[in-house]
Amino acid sequence: MYQCVCDGCGKAYVDEDRGFCAWADESYAADAAYEDGWTEIDGKDYCPDCYDYDEETDEYKPKSDDKQ
């Protein structure tokens, strides 16, 4: 079974609507999280609490530890 875990805070994604916390396929776990606001930055997964949009560079960037 696979979970999508945030590389910022360590929280595992849970699909609250369907009650899923793990998937049989790695890509399903990531796709479900991304559909719910998670994102991938430089090969790492981040929950919505752990990244910001940088308007100057037009990119999503992980929040620094001092901002969390």
Foldseek 3Di string as FASTA:
>chain_A
DDWQAAPQPGDTDADVVVGDRGDPDHVVRVVVQVVVQWDADPNGIHHNVFWDQDPVVRDIDGDDPVVD
